[in-house]
Amino acid sequence: MSGAMPQPEPTPIVACTVSRDVQIFDLLIEDMENAMGESWGDLGFAEALAFFAQPEAEAMEFIALAIDASDEDNLVLLGEIITQAKARNIKVILIAEDVTPASLHQLLRKGADEFVPYPLPEHELQMAIDRLSQTPEPQDQQVPVHRLKTGADKEGALLVCHGLAGGVGSTTLAVNLAWELAKIDDAEAHSVCLIDLDLQYGSVATYLDLPRREAVFEMLSDTEDMDDEVFGAALLSFQDKLQVLTAPSEMLPLDLIGPEDVERVIAMARKHFDYVVIDMPSTLVQWSETVLQAAHVYFATLELDMRSAQNALRLKRALQSEDLPFNKLRFALNRAPKFTDLSGKSRVKRMAESLGISIDLQMPDGGRQVAQCGDHGLPLAESAAKNPLRKEILKLAVSVHELGRNEAAAA
């Protein structure tokens, strides 16, 4: 009779990291151990392709493909790994550090299911794994649209964000301000609509991971026949709290719409929502005056640099020469100096004095998390709640909401 003890069954491997060298991604190792225990392994790029052909690959649920800037020369190989994994119903989480947006876009189009930036935000890998397990099998996808309810006009407040130069954070402000307004916990329910009027380079859809749809172009092409149903069909819902009118799917000329079209869209949105937030193109067009006249607050975002200063001065002159309401502008300084940066504070003061403007809002630098949240399609509140920029935008949203509530009570 043999005295040998029965050996325990080995833990099945249901997940793998795939990378050039997993030791580069030490935080990923730690998160995989926390999430998967001993049921995960590690493969190199070439090893992964060979492994997919083995019978053991049938038990695989997902791979975490970890890459950095050094791997961008191997995009063809990386794309093949994703393709082969998807062909075997293996989910793919893309972990990327310092990779260009073009490369990310190419790999996501190959079929990666989730994207998580590296260094990994806290609990983000576990959240991505949870989302994979909840993802339904592909079916004829119906895009959720918002159905408007008829009723009394809300005459919602119109808040506008306009960047005075490229990359000054206008869209970041618009998206996060709209989301913070939508999330404010109040005794009375309130609704928020976010509209992207940058018809050429609008990125609100990207920042919220929403599809761009032909319904937007069709609505803008014929606003004379726009009714509640048409407008509602053009809207998309973000987490059932925020309704969004994205930019059209194709790059369109800014003069596709005229002042009358914009006026109708604004009127329709204000009729159905308590707050309407518009992200404007940086270019002044024939309907810019229409938005400015309708706006309750017009945030002009800029930075502490010469290009922003020059553009702010040119905008001021243009509005004053046409006798337009320049006083509606609230200048918002993005990436403002920290409280302890006395030299920076002095530069802000000199800039405001030289331009003859008041800088009403100073937003701190949110750092890399801002770009990472944009790439991941989530507002700052959902992925980086403690970010200093998020905290400042939250304070702005609360003050706007309290002001609106006080005015309503006074009326």
Protein backbone atom coordinates (compact mmCIF):
# COMPACT_ATOMS: atom_id res chain seq x y z
CA MET A 1 0.00 0.00 0.00
CA SER A 2 1.47 3.28 -1.05
CA GLY A 3 2.02 5.90 1.66
CA ALA A 4 2.06 8.79 -0.80
CA MET A 5 -0.28 11.65 0.10
CA PRO A 6 -2.64 12.92 -2.62
CA GLN A 7 -1.35 16.09 -4.20
CA PRO A 8 -3.68 19.12 -4.28
CA GLU A 9 -4.94 20.18 -7.67
CA PRO A 10 -2.92 23.09 -9.08
CA THR A 11 -4.71 26.43 -9.10
CA PRO A 12 -6.06 27.01 -12.63
CA ILE A 13 -4.61 30.03 -14.42
CA VAL A 14 -7.48 32.25 -15.58
CA ALA A 15 -5.56 35.47 -16.22
CA CYS A 16 -2.16 36.57 -17.45
CA THR A 17 -0.12 39.70 -17.66
CA VAL A 18 1.48 40.13 -21.08
CA SER A 19 4.41 42.51 -21.29
CA ARG A 20 7.96 43.05 -22.42
CA ASP A 21 9.07 42.72 -18.78
CA VAL A 22 6.45 42.58 -16.02
CA GLN A 23 8.99 43.83 -13.46
CA ILE A 24 8.68 47.27 -15.06
CA PHE A 25 5.05 47.33 -13.91
CA ASP A 26 5.50 46.54 -10.22
CA LEU A 27 2.17 48.11 -9.26
CA LEU A 28 0.43 45.82 -11.75
CA ILE A 29 2.02 42.77 -10.09
CA GLU A 30 0.72 43.89 -6.71
CA ASP A 31 -2.79 44.57 -8.03
CA MET A 32 -2.95 41.25 -9.89
CA GLU A 33 -1.98 39.40 -6.71
CA ASN A 34 -4.68 41.23 -4.76
CA ALA A 35 -7.32 40.59 -7.41
CA MET A 36 -6.45 37.08 -8.63
CA GLY A 37 -4.43 35.44 -5.84
CA GLU A 38 -2.40 32.61 -7.40
CA SER A 39 -4.65 32.11 -10.42
CA TRP A 40 -2.63 34.30 -12.78
CA GLY A 41 0.60 34.02 -14.73
CA ASP A 42 2.96 36.13 -16.82
CA LEU A 43 3.86 35.90 -20.49
CA GLY A 44 6.08 37.78 -22.90
CA PHE A 45 4.70 39.03 -26.20
CA ALA A 46 5.88 36.08 -28.32
CA GLU A 47 5.02 33.60 -25.56
CA ALA A 48 1.44 34.89 -25.47
CA LEU A 49 0.86 34.13 -29.16
CA ALA A 50 2.22 30.63 -28.68
CA PHE A 51 0.15 30.11 -25.51
CA PHE A 52 -3.12 30.99 -27.23
CA ALA A 53 -2.72 27.88 -29.40
CA GLN A 54 -2.40 25.60 -26.34
CA PRO A 55 -5.36 23.76 -24.70
CA GLU A 56 -4.63 25.60 -21.41
CA ALA A 57 -5.72 28.83 -23.05
CA GLU A 58 -9.34 27.65 -23.03
CA ALA A 59 -9.58 28.43 -19.29
CA MET A 60 -8.20 31.95 -19.75
CA GLU A 61 -10.68 34.74 -18.90
CA PHE A 62 -8.57 37.82 -19.57
CA ILE A 63 -5.09 39.17 -20.19
CA ALA A 64 -3.63 42.43 -18.92
CA LEU A 65 -1.51 43.76 -21.79
CA ALA A 66 1.00 46.16 -20.20
CA ILE A 67 2.96 48.52 -22.47
CA ASP A 68 4.96 51.73 -22.28
CA ALA A 69 6.49 54.14 -24.78
CA SER A 70 9.28 51.65 -25.64
CA ASP A 71 6.70 49.20 -27.01
CA GLU A 72 5.23 51.55 -29.61
CA ASP A 73 7.60 50.15 -32.25
CA ASN A 74 5.80 46.79 -31.87
CA LEU A 75 2.24 47.91 -32.51
CA VAL A 76 1.70 45.25 -35.17
CA LEU A 77 2.69 42.49 -32.72
CA LEU A 78 0.59 44.03 -29.95
CA GLY A 79 -2.39 44.27 -32.28
CA GLU A 80 -1.99 40.61 -33.21
CA ILE A 81 -1.98 39.63 -29.52
CA ILE A 82 -5.27 41.44 -29.02
CA THR A 83 -6.76 39.93 -32.18
CA GLN A 84 -5.75 36.38 -31.23
CA ALA A 85 -7.07 36.83 -27.69
CA LYS A 86 -10.42 38.13 -28.89
CA ALA A 87 -10.69 35.25 -31.38
CA ARG A 88 -10.60 32.90 -28.39
CA ASN A 89 -13.08 34.95 -26.30
CA ILE A 90 -10.34 36.16 -23.98
CA LYS A 91 -10.95 39.67 -22.68
CA VAL A 92 -8.17 42.26 -22.93
CA ILE A 93 -7.32 44.99 -20.40
CA LEU A 94 -4.84 47.46 -21.86
CA ILE A 95 -2.42 48.95 -19.29
CA ALA A 96 -0.44 51.84 -20.80
CA GLU A 97 2.17 54.32 -19.59
CA ASP A 98 3.35 57.31 -21.66
CA VAL A 99 1.85 55.90 -24.86
CA THR A 100 0.69 58.34 -27.55
CA PRO A 101 -3.06 58.74 -28.12
CA ALA A 102 -2.64 57.52 -31.72
CA SER A 103 -1.14 54.24 -30.54
CA LEU A 104 -3.81 53.81 -27.87
CA HIS A 105 -6.50 54.44 -30.44
CA GLN A 106 -5.02 51.83 -32.79
CA LEU A 107 -4.89 49.16 -30.07
CA LEU A 108 -8.36 49.94 -28.74
CA ARG A 109 -9.73 49.58 -32.25
CA LYS A 110 -8.19 46.11 -32.39
CA GLY A 111 -10.67 45.14 -29.68
CA ALA A 112 -9.22 45.85 -26.23
CA ASP A 113 -12.12 45.76 -23.76
CA GLU A 114 -10.77 48.08 -21.07
CA PHE A 115 -8.05 50.72 -20.78
CA VAL A 116 -6.34 51.57 -17.48
CA PRO A 117 -3.52 54.14 -17.28
CA TYR A 118 -0.26 53.31 -15.49
CA PRO A 119 0.57 54.06 -12.70
CA LEU A 120 -2.69 52.35 -11.78
CA PRO A 121 -5.27 54.48 -9.96
CA GLU A 122 -6.34 52.90 -6.67
CA HIS A 123 -8.68 49.90 -7.17
CA GLU A 124 -8.95 50.67 -10.90
CA LEU A 125 -7.71 47.23 -12.03
CA GLN A 126 -10.26 45.47 -9.82
CA MET A 127 -12.98 47.76 -11.17
CA ALA A 128 -11.94 46.93 -14.75
CA ILE A 129 -12.03 43.20 -13.96
CA ASP A 130 -15.49 43.60 -12.42
CA ARG A 131 -16.72 45.42 -15.53
CA LEU A 132 -15.44 42.59 -17.72
CA SER A 133 -17.45 40.05 -15.76
CA GLN A 134 -20.57 42.19 -16.16
CA THR A 135 -20.16 42.79 -19.89
CA PRO A 136 -23.04 41.06 -21.75
CA GLU A 137 -22.45 39.02 -24.84
CA PRO A 138 -22.47 41.16 -28.01
CA GLN A 139 -25.97 41.65 -29.40
CA ASP A 140 -27.65 44.12 -31.69
CA GLN A 141 -26.63 47.14 -29.66
CA GLN A 142 -29.24 49.79 -29.05
CA VAL A 143 -27.74 53.16 -28.15
CA PRO A 144 -29.57 54.51 -25.06
CA VAL A 145 -31.09 57.87 -25.88
CA HIS A 146 -32.93 60.32 -23.70
CA ARG A 147 -36.67 60.70 -24.12
CA LEU A 148 -37.82 64.17 -23.16
CA LYS A 149 -40.98 64.69 -21.19
CA THR A 150 -43.24 67.57 -22.12
CA GLY A 151 -44.32 69.95 -19.41
CA ALA A 152 -43.72 73.42 -18.05
CA ASP A 153 -40.66 75.22 -19.36
CA LYS A 154 -37.74 75.05 -16.92
CA GLU A 155 -35.95 78.11 -18.37
CA GLY A 156 -32.67 76.55 -17.30
CA ALA A 157 -29.49 78.47 -16.57
CA LEU A 158 -27.03 78.62 -19.47
CA LEU A 159 -23.33 78.21 -18.59
CA VAL A 160 -20.77 78.51 -21.39
CA CYS A 161 -17.09 77.44 -21.50
CA HIS A 162 -14.82 78.99 -24.12
CA GLY A 163 -11.08 78.36 -24.39
CA LEU A 164 -9.02 81.38 -25.41
CA ALA A 165 -6.23 79.13 -26.72
CA GLY A 166 -5.73 75.46 -27.48
CA GLY A 167 -5.31 73.15 -24.51
CA VAL A 168 -6.33 75.60 -21.79
CA GLY A 169 -8.92 73.22 -20.34
CA SER A 170 -12.25 74.51 -21.64
CA THR A 171 -13.67 71.04 -22.35
CA THR A 172 -12.31 69.71 -19.05
CA LEU A 173 -14.13 72.51 -17.24
CA ALA A 174 -17.36 72.02 -19.22
CA VAL A 175 -17.51 68.24 -18.75
CA ASN A 176 -16.63 68.23 -15.07
CA LEU A 177 -18.79 71.25 -14.21
CA ALA A 178 -21.78 69.60 -15.88
CA TRP A 179 -21.13 66.33 -14.05
CA GLU A 180 -20.70 68.01 -10.67
CA LEU A 181 -23.98 69.91 -11.18
CA ALA A 182 -25.72 66.65 -12.12
CA LYS A 183 -24.42 64.93 -8.98
CA ILE A 184 -25.32 67.61 -6.45
CA ASP A 185 -27.56 65.97 -3.86
CA ASP A 186 -30.52 68.27 -3.42
CA ALA A 187 -34.01 67.86 -2.03
CA GLU A 188 -35.39 68.97 -5.38
CA ALA A 189 -34.42 66.96 -8.45
CA HIS A 190 -32.64 68.94 -11.15
CA SER A 191 -31.50 68.03 -14.64
CA VAL A 192 -28.36 68.92 -16.60
CA CYS A 193 -27.62 68.94 -20.33
CA LEU A 194 -24.10 69.22 -21.76
CA ILE A 195 -23.83 70.46 -25.37
CA ASP A 196 -20.67 70.26 -27.51
CA LEU A 197 -20.82 73.01 -30.14
CA ASP A 198 -17.25 72.48 -31.36
CA LEU A 199 -18.41 70.83 -34.57
CA GLN A 200 -14.89 70.07 -35.78
CA TYR A 201 -12.72 69.09 -32.82
CA GLY A 202 -15.29 68.61 -30.07
CA SER A 203 -14.11 65.99 -27.59
CA VAL A 204 -16.91 65.84 -25.01
CA ALA A 205 -17.84 62.41 -26.41
CA THR A 206 -14.28 61.20 -25.86
CA TYR A 207 -14.11 62.57 -22.32
CA LEU A 208 -17.30 60.65 -21.43
CA ASP A 209 -16.72 57.59 -23.64
CA LEU A 210 -19.89 58.19 -25.64
CA PRO A 211 -20.44 57.35 -29.32
CA ARG A 212 -20.86 60.07 -31.93
CA ARG A 213 -24.08 59.56 -33.85
CA GLU A 214 -25.65 60.66 -37.11
CA ALA A 215 -28.74 61.81 -35.23
CA VAL A 216 -26.81 64.92 -34.10
CA PHE A 217 -25.98 65.94 -37.67
CA GLU A 218 -29.54 65.29 -38.80
CA MET A 219 -30.94 67.45 -36.01
CA LEU A 220 -28.52 70.34 -36.63
CA SER A 221 -29.19 70.20 -40.38
CA ASP A 222 -32.90 70.91 -39.91
CA THR A 223 -33.55 72.76 -36.66
CA GLU A 224 -36.71 74.32 -38.09
CA ASP A 225 -38.44 70.94 -37.80
CA MET A 226 -36.82 70.08 -34.47
CA ASP A 227 -39.30 69.08 -31.77
CA ASP A 228 -39.02 67.45 -28.35
CA GLU A 229 -38.74 63.97 -29.85
CA VAL A 230 -36.02 64.88 -32.36
CA PHE A 231 -33.96 66.72 -29.76
CA GLY A 232 -34.34 63.93 -27.23
CA ALA A 233 -33.31 61.32 -29.80
CA ALA A 234 -30.06 63.23 -30.41
CA LEU A 235 -29.12 63.17 -26.72
CA LEU A 236 -27.13 60.44 -25.00
CA SER A 237 -27.31 59.62 -21.31
CA PHE A 238 -24.17 59.36 -19.17
CA GLN A 239 -24.76 57.17 -16.13
CA ASP A 240 -28.46 58.16 -16.17
CA LYS A 241 -27.64 61.56 -14.61
CA LEU A 242 -26.24 63.74 -17.38
CA GLN A 243 -27.72 64.19 -20.87
CA VAL A 244 -25.20 64.96 -23.58
CA LEU A 245 -25.43 66.37 -27.10
CA THR A 246 -22.10 65.33 -28.59
CA ALA A 247 -20.37 66.85 -31.59
CA PRO A 248 -21.36 65.20 -34.90
CA SER A 249 -19.54 62.07 -36.01
CA GLU A 250 -17.86 63.82 -38.94
CA MET A 251 -15.77 67.01 -38.98
CA LEU A 252 -18.13 69.73 -40.20
CA PRO A 253 -17.70 73.41 -41.10
CA LEU A 254 -18.57 75.75 -38.25
CA ASP A 255 -20.96 77.65 -40.51
CA LEU A 256 -23.09 74.52 -40.99
CA ILE A 257 -25.37 76.13 -38.43
CA GLY A 258 -26.40 79.75 -38.14
CA PRO A 259 -27.52 82.00 -35.29
CA GLU A 260 -31.14 80.89 -35.69
CA ASP A 261 -30.18 77.21 -35.43
CA VAL A 262 -28.15 77.78 -32.27
CA GLU A 263 -30.94 79.86 -30.78
CA ARG A 264 -33.43 77.03 -31.34
CA VAL A 265 -31.11 74.42 -29.79
CA ILE A 266 -30.46 76.59 -26.74
CA ALA A 267 -34.17 77.33 -26.31
CA MET A 268 -35.04 73.64 -26.56
CA ALA A 269 -32.36 72.66 -24.03
CA ARG A 270 -33.33 75.39 -21.56
CA LYS A 271 -36.96 74.33 -21.87
CA HIS A 272 -36.23 70.82 -20.62
CA PHE A 273 -33.22 71.20 -18.29
CA ASP A 274 -32.38 73.17 -15.17
CA TYR A 275 -28.76 73.64 -16.26
CA VAL A 276 -27.37 73.77 -19.79
CA VAL A 277 -23.57 73.71 -20.16
CA ILE A 278 -22.09 74.50 -23.59
CA ASP A 279 -18.53 73.79 -24.71
CA MET A 280 -17.66 76.31 -27.44
CA PRO A 281 -15.05 76.19 -30.20
CA SER A 282 -12.11 78.53 -29.59
CA THR A 283 -12.87 80.18 -32.95
CA LEU A 284 -15.33 83.08 -33.04
CA VAL A 285 -18.10 82.40 -35.57
CA GLN A 286 -21.27 84.13 -36.66
CA TRP A 287 -23.31 82.45 -33.93
CA SER A 288 -20.86 83.18 -31.07
CA GLU A 289 -22.81 86.37 -30.34
CA THR A 290 -26.02 84.34 -30.04
CA VAL A 291 -24.51 82.14 -27.32
CA LEU A 292 -22.95 85.10 -25.51
CA GLN A 293 -26.24 87.01 -25.43
CA ALA A 294 -28.12 83.96 -24.10
CA ALA A 295 -25.50 82.96 -21.52
CA HIS A 296 -26.02 83.60 -17.83
CA VAL A 297 -22.30 83.03 -17.19
CA TYR A 298 -19.62 82.82 -19.89
CA PHE A 299 -16.38 81.21 -18.64
CA ALA A 300 -13.35 82.26 -20.70
CA THR A 301 -10.52 79.86 -19.82
CA LEU A 302 -6.89 80.88 -20.22
CA GLU A 303 -3.43 80.14 -18.90
CA LEU A 304 -0.64 82.25 -17.49
CA ASP A 305 1.19 82.69 -20.80
CA MET A 306 1.59 85.23 -23.57
CA ARG A 307 -0.73 83.57 -26.11
CA SER A 308 -3.62 83.54 -23.64
CA ALA A 309 -2.95 87.15 -22.65
CA GLN A 310 -2.90 88.32 -26.26
CA ASN A 311 -6.07 86.39 -27.15
CA ALA A 312 -7.87 87.73 -24.07
CA LEU A 313 -7.02 91.28 -25.11
CA ARG A 314 -8.15 90.67 -28.70
CA LEU A 315 -11.42 89.14 -27.50
CA LYS A 316 -12.02 92.08 -25.18
CA ARG A 317 -11.48 94.56 -28.01
CA ALA A 318 -13.69 92.59 -30.39
CA LEU A 319 -16.61 92.45 -27.97
CA GLN A 320 -16.34 96.06 -26.86
CA SER A 321 -16.07 97.33 -30.44
CA GLU A 322 -19.39 95.62 -31.25
CA ASP A 323 -20.95 96.80 -27.98
CA LEU A 324 -21.46 93.19 -26.86
CA PRO A 325 -21.87 92.22 -23.17
CA PHE A 326 -18.21 91.80 -22.23
CA ASN A 327 -19.24 91.94 -18.56
CA LYS A 328 -20.73 88.44 -18.88
CA LEU A 329 -17.25 86.96 -19.23
CA ARG A 330 -15.76 85.30 -16.18
CA PHE A 331 -12.08 84.66 -16.79
CA ALA A 332 -10.95 81.28 -15.46
CA LEU A 333 -7.19 80.74 -15.10
CA ASN A 334 -6.25 77.09 -15.54
CA ARG A 335 -3.05 75.64 -14.04
CA ALA A 336 -2.95 78.58 -11.66
CA PRO A 337 0.03 79.03 -9.30
CA LYS A 338 -0.16 77.30 -5.94
CA PHE A 339 -1.04 79.29 -2.84
CA THR A 340 2.60 79.36 -1.71
CA ASP A 341 3.90 80.49 -5.13
CA LEU A 342 4.14 84.21 -4.40
CA SER A 343 5.99 84.94 -7.64
CA GLY A 344 3.26 83.21 -9.63
CA LYS A 345 0.54 85.07 -7.75
CA SER A 346 2.27 88.33 -8.58
CA ARG A 347 2.36 87.39 -12.29
CA VAL A 348 -1.39 86.68 -12.23
CA LYS A 349 -2.06 90.09 -10.69
CA ARG A 350 0.12 91.89 -13.25
CA MET A 351 -1.55 89.99 -16.11
CA ALA A 352 -5.03 90.96 -14.96
CA GLU A 353 -4.04 94.60 -14.47
CA SER A 354 -2.32 94.88 -17.86
CA LEU A 355 -5.36 93.40 -19.65
CA GLY A 356 -7.88 95.36 -17.62
CA ILE A 357 -9.78 92.22 -16.65
CA SER A 358 -10.71 90.40 -13.46
CA ILE A 359 -9.59 86.78 -13.12
CA ASP A 360 -12.53 85.40 -11.14
CA LEU A 361 -11.61 81.73 -11.02
CA GLN A 362 -8.18 80.20 -10.47
CA MET A 363 -8.08 76.45 -11.10
CA PRO A 364 -5.08 74.44 -9.88
CA ASP A 365 -3.04 72.13 -12.09
CA GLY A 366 -4.67 68.69 -11.99
CA GLY A 367 -1.54 66.99 -13.32
CA ARG A 368 -1.48 63.76 -15.31
CA GLN A 369 -4.71 62.50 -13.79
CA VAL A 370 -6.69 64.96 -15.91
CA ALA A 371 -5.40 63.49 -19.18
CA GLN A 372 -5.73 59.95 -17.83
CA CYS A 373 -9.38 60.50 -16.88
CA GLY A 374 -10.04 61.95 -20.34
CA ASP A 375 -8.44 58.93 -21.99
CA HIS A 376 -10.49 56.62 -19.80
CA GLY A 377 -13.75 58.44 -20.54
CA LEU A 378 -14.61 59.38 -16.95
CA PRO A 379 -15.09 62.70 -15.13
CA LEU A 380 -12.54 63.52 -12.45
CA ALA A 381 -15.09 62.84 -9.70
CA GLU A 382 -15.37 59.20 -10.79
CA SER A 383 -11.68 58.37 -11.20
CA ALA A 384 -9.71 60.99 -9.25
CA ALA A 385 -12.07 62.44 -6.66
CA LYS A 386 -9.26 63.92 -4.54
CA ASN A 387 -7.63 65.75 -7.45
CA PRO A 388 -7.21 69.46 -6.61
CA LEU A 389 -8.78 70.55 -9.92
CA ARG A 390 -11.83 68.39 -9.24
CA LYS A 391 -12.24 69.95 -5.79
CA GLU A 392 -12.17 73.47 -7.26
CA ILE A 393 -14.73 72.59 -9.96
CA LEU A 394 -16.95 71.00 -7.29
CA LYS A 395 -16.85 74.26 -5.28
CA LEU A 396 -17.77 76.18 -8.43
CA ALA A 397 -20.72 73.85 -9.13
CA VAL A 398 -22.00 74.17 -5.57
CA SER A 399 -21.79 77.97 -5.69
CA VAL A 400 -23.58 78.08 -9.06
CA HIS A 401 -26.33 75.80 -7.75
CA GLU A 402 -26.79 77.79 -4.54
CA LEU A 403 -26.93 81.04 -6.51
CA GLY A 404 -29.58 79.62 -8.82
CA ARG A 405 -31.60 78.29 -5.91
CA ASN A 406 -31.48 81.65 -4.09
CA GLU A 407 -32.57 83.52 -7.22
CA ALA A 408 -35.46 81.09 -7.68
CA ALA A 409 -36.51 81.57 -4.08
CA ALA A 410 -36.36 85.36 -4.43
CA ALA A 411 -38.53 85.21 -7.54
